[in-house]
Structures are given as C-alpha cells and as structure tokens.
Amino acid sequence: MSENNEAATITVNALIAKRADILFEIGEREAQAERLRTQVVHIDAVLRLFRPDFKAEDLPIRLRRPAKSPFFKHGELTQRIYDALRERETITSVDIAVRAMRDKGLDPDNDPATRTDFVRRVGLQLGDMQRKGKVERRGRGKALHWCLVG
C-alpha cells in the first residue's frame, strides 16, 4: 500500500469516527430536549391546578444574554441610550450605534462588521428597555424610532 493511500485511509477513518461522535451527541441533546419538554408539560399541569386561568404563552421566556462586547463596559450602552434619548426626543438605533462608534474612534463607514454589531447590540438593549417599560417604539422598519416613556 502506498503512503498516500494509507494517509487517505487514516483520514477517512478519522472523519467517519468524528461524524459518528457528532451524530451521537446530537441524539443525546435531542433526548435531553425531549426530557426537558416533558418536564415543562408537567409543571404547566401543576400550575393549572393552582391557577386554572394559567396561560403558559403569557409567561416571559428567559433569553440567553449576548456575549459581552469588548467596546462597552457594564451599563455603558444603556447610559449612552438614555443620554441620546434625553438629547433628542426620538432616535434610531443606527444613530446611537454610529455615535458610539465615533466616540470610540471607530469609523462606521469603513467598518461594516463592527457597525452591524453595534446596531445589533443597541437594538437588543432597546428591546430589553422596552420590555421593562423604559422606552417605546414609534414607527416600523426604517422609520422605527425610539423615545423615552412618559
């Protein structure tokens, strides 16, 4: 057997083993998800015993927090949003993101990936602030603006 064929055989066998490992892990995770769904069904049933008007769809879902940004300290983004909204009564998430980028010495016109990340983070934070009743949305799509409640 040539060295090339032997190396290819070893590579193929390693890839087949890796594929099997991944499929096994997927199966394990699916089984775990099914067990968790069953637990939720049982908890919902017990909640209905205590509160017959209980509606699971009305409960908030805990979301995974986005990864921390190397650009913002804890609470900084929220403070920037409040400052921008106090300065201008309504503002877009893009305006806040572009201003934050410029304040940090970044060029929003020449760094689209960072700009997208900033806009996404501002949008997520505004959504969280909206759920807490701190800000409200006005408009839709590109005309979407945010303002302080009250």
Protein backbone atom coordinates (compact mmCIF):
# COMPACT_ATOMS: atom_id res chain seq x y z
CA MET A 1 0.00 0.00 0.00
CA SER A 2 1.37 3.40 -0.89
CA GLU A 3 1.96 6.10 1.67
CA ASN A 4 -0.69 8.31 0.01
CA ASN A 5 -3.37 5.60 0.18
CA GLU A 6 -2.51 4.84 3.79
CA ALA A 7 -2.77 8.53 4.77
CA ALA A 8 -6.09 8.85 2.93
CA THR A 9 -7.46 5.75 4.66
CA ILE A 10 -6.45 7.06 8.08
CA THR A 11 -8.02 10.45 7.30
CA VAL A 12 -11.25 8.89 6.05
CA ASN A 13 -11.49 6.63 9.11
CA ALA A 14 -10.91 9.58 11.43
CA LEU A 15 -13.62 11.62 9.66
CA ILE A 16 -16.08 8.70 9.85
CA ALA A 17 -15.40 8.35 13.58
CA LYS A 18 -15.82 12.11 14.11
CA ARG A 19 -19.10 12.08 12.17
CA ALA A 20 -20.38 9.21 14.34
CA ASP A 21 -19.38 11.12 17.50
CA ILE A 22 -21.25 14.22 16.36
CA LEU A 23 -24.39 12.26 15.44
CA PHE A 24 -24.27 10.54 18.84
CA GLU A 25 -24.03 13.92 20.57
CA ILE A 26 -26.95 15.27 18.52
CA GLY A 27 -29.03 12.27 19.60
CA GLU A 28 -28.09 12.86 23.25
CA ARG A 29 -29.06 16.53 23.03
CA GLU A 30 -32.37 15.70 21.33
CA ALA A 31 -33.17 13.20 24.10
CA GLN A 32 -32.27 15.82 26.72
CA ALA A 33 -34.51 18.39 24.97
CA GLU A 34 -37.39 15.89 24.95
CA ARG A 35 -36.94 15.23 28.69
CA LEU A 36 -37.00 18.98 29.36
CA ARG A 37 -40.14 19.47 27.23
CA THR A 38 -41.85 16.72 29.24
CA GLN A 39 -40.89 18.45 32.50
CA VAL A 40 -42.37 21.73 31.24
CA VAL A 41 -45.65 19.97 30.36
CA HIS A 42 -45.84 18.54 33.89
CA ILE A 43 -45.03 21.89 35.51
CA ASP A 44 -47.72 23.58 33.39
CA ALA A 45 -50.25 20.96 34.54
CA VAL A 46 -49.41 21.59 38.20
CA LEU A 47 -49.61 25.36 37.67
CA ARG A 48 -53.12 24.89 36.22
CA LEU A 49 -54.12 23.03 39.41
CA PHE A 50 -53.19 26.07 41.47
CA ARG A 51 -54.32 28.65 38.92
CA PRO A 52 -57.00 27.42 36.47
CA ASP A 53 -56.66 30.60 34.36
CA PHE A 54 -52.92 29.93 33.85
CA LYS A 55 -51.67 30.52 30.29
CA ALA A 56 -48.11 29.40 29.60
CA GLU A 57 -47.85 31.56 26.47
CA ASP A 58 -48.23 34.70 28.62
CA LEU A 59 -45.09 33.91 30.62
CA PRO A 60 -41.79 35.54 29.66
CA ILE A 61 -39.07 33.36 28.23
CA ARG A 62 -35.59 33.84 29.64
CA LEU A 63 -33.25 34.59 26.78
CA ARG A 64 -29.53 33.99 26.57
CA ARG A 65 -27.59 37.17 27.18
CA PRO A 66 -25.50 38.27 24.25
CA ALA A 67 -21.74 37.90 24.58
CA LYS A 68 -20.04 40.85 26.22
CA SER A 69 -18.66 43.44 23.89
CA PRO A 70 -15.04 44.49 24.09
CA PHE A 71 -16.22 48.02 23.31
CA PHE A 72 -18.66 48.64 26.16
CA LYS A 73 -18.27 48.46 29.93
CA HIS A 74 -21.13 47.15 32.05
CA GLY A 75 -24.06 49.59 31.83
CA GLU A 76 -22.33 51.86 29.32
CA LEU A 77 -24.63 51.05 26.41
CA THR A 78 -27.76 51.70 28.48
CA GLN A 79 -26.32 55.02 29.64
CA ARG A 80 -25.49 56.01 26.05
CA ILE A 81 -29.05 55.22 25.00
CA TYR A 82 -30.54 57.31 27.82
CA ASP A 83 -28.18 60.20 27.02
CA ALA A 84 -29.10 60.10 23.33
CA LEU A 85 -32.83 59.97 24.11
CA ARG A 86 -32.59 62.88 26.53
CA GLU A 87 -30.65 64.91 23.98
CA ARG A 88 -33.02 64.13 21.10
CA GLU A 89 -36.57 63.11 21.96
CA THR A 90 -36.62 60.31 19.38
CA ILE A 91 -33.71 58.47 17.81
CA THR A 92 -32.93 55.36 15.77
CA SER A 93 -30.73 52.50 16.92
CA VAL A 94 -28.43 53.22 13.95
CA ASP A 95 -27.94 56.82 15.11
CA ILE A 96 -26.97 55.64 18.60
CA ALA A 97 -24.61 52.99 17.21
CA VAL A 98 -22.89 55.39 14.79
CA ARG A 99 -22.44 57.97 17.54
CA ALA A 100 -20.96 55.35 19.89
CA MET A 101 -18.54 54.18 17.19
CA ARG A 102 -17.35 57.71 16.53
CA ASP A 103 -16.95 58.37 20.28
CA LYS A 104 -14.69 55.31 20.43
CA GLY A 105 -12.58 56.42 17.46
CA LEU A 106 -14.07 53.87 15.04
CA ASP A 107 -15.19 54.67 11.50
CA PRO A 108 -18.76 53.43 10.91
CA ASP A 109 -18.42 53.94 7.15
CA ASN A 110 -15.31 51.75 6.77
CA ASP A 111 -16.04 49.01 9.31
CA PRO A 112 -19.39 47.41 8.39
CA ALA A 113 -18.93 44.35 10.63
CA THR A 114 -18.39 46.44 13.76
CA ARG A 115 -21.19 48.79 12.74
CA THR A 116 -23.57 45.82 12.37
CA ASP A 117 -22.50 44.53 15.80
CA PHE A 118 -23.06 47.95 17.41
CA VAL A 119 -26.50 48.34 15.78
CA ARG A 120 -27.49 44.81 16.87
CA ARG A 121 -26.38 45.44 20.46
CA VAL A 122 -28.18 48.79 20.61
CA GLY A 123 -31.33 47.17 19.19
CA LEU A 124 -31.20 44.31 21.70
CA GLN A 125 -30.72 46.76 24.57
CA LEU A 126 -33.59 48.95 23.36
CA GLY A 127 -35.82 45.86 23.14
CA ASP A 128 -34.91 44.95 26.71
CA MET A 129 -35.59 48.50 27.85
CA GLN A 130 -38.95 48.39 26.05
CA ARG A 131 -39.93 45.17 27.86
CA LYS A 132 -39.11 46.92 31.14
CA GLY A 133 -41.32 49.89 30.18
CA LYS A 134 -38.46 52.42 29.92
CA VAL A 135 -38.69 53.23 26.18
CA GLU A 136 -41.26 52.84 23.45
CA ARG A 137 -41.07 52.25 19.72
CA ARG A 138 -42.53 54.58 17.16
CA GLY A 139 -42.92 53.55 13.56
CA ARG A 140 -41.73 50.43 11.76
CA GLY A 141 -38.85 49.27 9.62
CA LYS A 142 -36.53 52.05 8.51
CA ALA A 143 -38.88 54.61 10.08
CA LEU A 144 -38.53 52.98 13.52
CA HIS A 145 -37.58 55.48 16.21
CA TRP A 146 -37.34 55.14 19.97
CA CYS A 147 -38.37 57.55 22.72
CA LEU A 148 -38.46 57.60 26.50
CA VAL A 149 -41.73 56.57 28.17
CA GLY A 150 -43.55 59.33 29.96
